[in-house]
Amino acid sequence: MDCKLESVEIEAFGAFLGPVKYPLTDRGVRIVSGKNLDSMGADSNGAGKSTLVMAPLWALTGRHKIPFLTNS
């Protein structure tokens, strides 16, 4: 069985309150960077970088943590 993610759609999850769709088709290797527009001086903290990566994990497994990264 092959599983191909074509996009990540997030709403009311982590830093994403409103709906966001991030297309993945034909993207190759990507770097996830962010800019926090809500808080001056926060730079990229709270911009949703981890949330964007963790959303598919939660959708597929029901878990939002990677055990080997969190010691749980």
N, C-alpha and C. Protein backbone atom coordinates (compact mmCIF):
# COMPACT_ATOMS: atom_id res chain seq x y z
N MET A 1 0.85 -1.17 0.00
CA MET A 1 0.00 0.00 0.00
C MET A 1 0.89 1.24 0.00
N ASP A 2 0.63 2.15 -0.89
CA ASP A 2 1.35 3.43 -0.94
C ASP A 2 0.47 4.52 -0.36
N CYS A 3 1.10 5.43 0.33
CA CYS A 3 0.39 6.58 0.89
C CYS A 3 1.10 7.83 0.41
N LYS A 4 0.40 8.68 -0.28
CA LYS A 4 0.98 9.91 -0.81
C LYS A 4 0.20 11.10 -0.27
N LEU A 5 0.88 11.95 0.47
CA LEU A 5 0.24 13.16 0.99
C LEU A 5 0.29 14.23 -0.09
N GLU A 6 -0.85 14.72 -0.50
CA GLU A 6 -0.91 15.74 -1.54
C GLU A 6 -0.99 17.14 -0.96
N SER A 7 -1.50 17.25 0.27
CA SER A 7 -1.57 18.55 0.93
C SER A 7 -1.80 18.34 2.42
N VAL A 8 -1.52 19.38 3.16
CA VAL A 8 -1.84 19.41 4.59
C VAL A 8 -2.86 20.52 4.77
N GLU A 9 -4.02 20.18 5.32
CA GLU A 9 -5.06 21.17 5.60
C GLU A 9 -5.26 21.22 7.11
N ILE A 10 -5.11 22.41 7.68
CA ILE A 10 -5.16 22.57 9.13
C ILE A 10 -6.16 23.66 9.48
N GLU A 11 -6.94 23.41 10.53
CA GLU A 11 -7.83 24.44 11.07
C GLU A 11 -8.03 24.16 12.55
N ALA A 12 -7.89 25.18 13.38
CA ALA A 12 -8.06 25.08 14.83
C ALA A 12 -7.14 24.01 15.42
N PHE A 13 -5.90 23.98 14.98
CA PHE A 13 -4.90 23.03 15.48
C PHE A 13 -3.60 23.80 15.70
N GLY A 14 -3.13 23.82 16.93
CA GLY A 14 -1.89 24.53 17.23
C GLY A 14 -2.02 26.02 16.95
N ALA A 15 -1.06 26.55 16.23
CA ALA A 15 -1.02 27.98 15.92
C ALA A 15 -2.00 28.39 14.81
N PHE A 16 -2.63 27.41 14.15
CA PHE A 16 -3.50 27.70 13.02
C PHE A 16 -4.95 27.76 13.47
N LEU A 17 -5.48 28.95 13.66
CA LEU A 17 -6.87 29.11 14.08
C LEU A 17 -7.82 28.98 12.90
N GLY A 18 -7.52 29.69 11.83
CA GLY A 18 -8.33 29.62 10.62
C GLY A 18 -7.81 28.54 9.70
N PRO A 19 -8.55 28.23 8.65
CA PRO A 19 -8.14 27.17 7.72
C PRO A 19 -6.89 27.55 6.91
N VAL A 20 -5.98 26.59 6.78
CA VAL A 20 -4.76 26.76 5.99
C VAL A 20 -4.56 25.50 5.17
N LYS A 21 -4.25 25.64 3.90
CA LYS A 21 -3.94 24.49 3.05
C LYS A 21 -2.54 24.67 2.49
N TYR A 22 -1.69 23.69 2.75
CA TYR A 22 -0.31 23.73 2.27
C TYR A 22 -0.12 22.58 1.28
N PRO A 23 0.01 22.88 -0.03
CA PRO A 23 0.14 21.82 -1.03
C PRO A 23 1.52 21.15 -0.95
N LEU A 24 1.55 19.84 -1.16
CA LEU A 24 2.80 19.09 -1.09
C LEU A 24 3.19 18.42 -2.42
N THR A 25 2.28 18.38 -3.38
CA THR A 25 2.57 17.67 -4.62
C THR A 25 3.74 18.29 -5.37
N ASP A 26 4.61 17.43 -5.86
CA ASP A 26 5.77 17.83 -6.66
C ASP A 26 6.61 18.89 -5.97
N ARG A 27 6.78 18.77 -4.65
CA ARG A 27 7.54 19.75 -3.89
C ARG A 27 8.97 19.31 -3.61
N GLY A 28 9.25 18.02 -3.61
CA GLY A 28 10.60 17.56 -3.27
C GLY A 28 10.91 17.84 -1.80
N VAL A 29 12.16 18.01 -1.48
CA VAL A 29 12.58 18.29 -0.11
C VAL A 29 12.29 19.75 0.20
N ARG A 30 11.70 20.01 1.38
CA ARG A 30 11.33 21.38 1.76
C ARG A 30 11.93 21.75 3.10
N ILE A 31 12.18 23.00 3.27
CA ILE A 31 12.59 23.56 4.56
C ILE A 31 11.38 24.31 5.12
N VAL A 32 11.05 24.02 6.36
CA VAL A 32 9.91 24.69 6.98
C VAL A 32 10.46 25.83 7.83
N SER A 33 10.11 27.04 7.44
CA SER A 33 10.52 28.22 8.21
C SER A 33 9.26 29.04 8.47
N GLY A 34 9.34 29.95 9.41
CA GLY A 34 8.15 30.72 9.72
C GLY A 34 8.47 32.10 10.22
N LYS A 35 7.45 32.92 10.25
CA LYS A 35 7.56 34.27 10.78
C LYS A 35 6.30 34.56 11.57
N ASN A 36 6.46 34.89 12.83
CA ASN A 36 5.33 35.19 13.69
C ASN A 36 4.90 36.63 13.45
N LEU A 37 3.73 36.80 12.84
CA LEU A 37 3.22 38.14 12.54
C LEU A 37 2.34 38.68 13.67
N ASP A 38 2.05 37.83 14.67
CA ASP A 38 1.16 38.23 15.76
C ASP A 38 1.88 38.86 16.93
N SER A 39 3.16 38.57 17.10
CA SER A 39 3.88 39.04 18.27
C SER A 39 5.20 39.68 17.86
N MET A 40 5.34 40.97 18.13
CA MET A 40 6.58 41.67 17.80
C MET A 40 7.73 41.08 18.61
N GLY A 41 8.84 40.83 17.96
CA GLY A 41 10.02 40.33 18.65
C GLY A 41 10.04 38.83 18.85
N ALA A 42 9.00 38.13 18.42
CA ALA A 42 8.95 36.68 18.61
C ALA A 42 9.67 35.95 17.49
N ASP A 43 10.05 36.65 16.42
CA ASP A 43 10.72 36.07 15.27
C ASP A 43 9.90 34.90 14.74
N SER A 44 10.43 33.68 14.81
CA SER A 44 9.68 32.55 14.27
C SER A 44 9.03 31.70 15.35
N ASN A 45 9.21 32.05 16.63
CA ASN A 45 8.56 31.29 17.71
C ASN A 45 7.04 31.45 17.61
N GLY A 46 6.33 30.34 17.64
CA GLY A 46 4.87 30.38 17.58
C GLY A 46 4.30 30.56 16.20
N ALA A 47 5.13 30.41 15.17
CA ALA A 47 4.66 30.61 13.80
C ALA A 47 3.96 29.39 13.22
N GLY A 48 4.05 28.23 13.89
CA GLY A 48 3.35 27.04 13.43
C GLY A 48 4.19 26.05 12.65
N LYS A 49 5.52 26.19 12.71
CA LYS A 49 6.39 25.27 11.96
C LYS A 49 6.20 23.83 12.41
N SER A 50 6.28 23.59 13.70
CA SER A 50 6.12 22.23 14.23
C SER A 50 4.70 21.73 14.00
N THR A 51 3.72 22.60 14.14
CA THR A 51 2.33 22.21 13.94
C THR A 51 2.11 21.73 12.51
N LEU A 52 2.70 22.41 11.54
CA LEU A 52 2.55 22.03 10.14
C LEU A 52 3.12 20.63 9.90
N VAL A 53 4.20 20.30 10.58
CA VAL A 53 4.83 18.99 10.42
C VAL A 53 4.08 17.92 11.23
N MET A 54 3.57 18.29 12.40
CA MET A 54 2.92 17.32 13.28
C MET A 54 1.46 17.03 12.89
N ALA A 55 0.80 17.90 12.17
CA ALA A 55 -0.60 17.70 11.81
C ALA A 55 -0.84 16.38 11.06
N PRO A 56 -0.04 16.03 10.05
CA PRO A 56 -0.27 14.74 9.39
C PRO A 56 -0.05 13.55 10.33
N LEU A 57 0.91 13.65 11.24
CA LEU A 57 1.14 12.59 12.21
C LEU A 57 -0.11 12.39 13.08
N TRP A 58 -0.69 13.48 13.55
CA TRP A 58 -1.90 13.41 14.37
C TRP A 58 -3.06 12.82 13.55
N ALA A 59 -3.21 13.27 12.30
CA ALA A 59 -4.32 12.78 11.46
C ALA A 59 -4.20 11.29 11.17
N LEU A 60 -2.98 10.80 11.00
CA LEU A 60 -2.78 9.39 10.66
C LEU A 60 -2.73 8.46 11.87
N THR A 61 -2.26 8.96 13.01
CA THR A 61 -2.04 8.08 14.16
C THR A 61 -2.82 8.46 15.41
N GLY A 62 -3.34 9.69 15.47
CA GLY A 62 -4.00 10.16 16.67
C GLY A 62 -3.02 10.65 17.72
N ARG A 63 -1.74 10.65 17.39
CA ARG A 63 -0.70 11.13 18.32
C ARG A 63 -0.13 12.44 17.81
N HIS A 64 0.22 13.31 18.73
CA HIS A 64 0.81 14.58 18.32
C HIS A 64 2.24 14.74 18.82
N LYS A 65 2.80 13.65 19.36
CA LYS A 65 4.18 13.69 19.83
C LYS A 65 4.96 12.54 19.20
N ILE A 66 6.23 12.76 18.98
CA ILE A 66 7.11 11.70 18.51
C ILE A 66 7.84 11.17 19.74
N PRO A 67 7.56 9.93 20.16
CA PRO A 67 8.10 9.42 21.43
C PRO A 67 9.62 9.54 21.57
N PHE A 68 10.38 9.28 20.54
CA PHE A 68 11.83 9.33 20.68
C PHE A 68 12.35 10.76 20.81
N LEU A 69 11.52 11.76 20.53
CA LEU A 69 11.93 13.15 20.70
C LEU A 69 11.48 13.71 22.05
N THR A 70 10.46 13.10 22.66
CA THR A 70 9.89 13.66 23.87
C THR A 70 10.11 12.79 25.11
N ASN A 71 10.80 11.67 24.96
CA ASN A 71 11.04 10.74 26.08
C ASN A 71 9.75 10.22 26.70
N SER A 72 8.69 10.08 25.90
CA SER A 72 7.43 9.55 26.43
C SER A 72 6.96 8.36 25.62
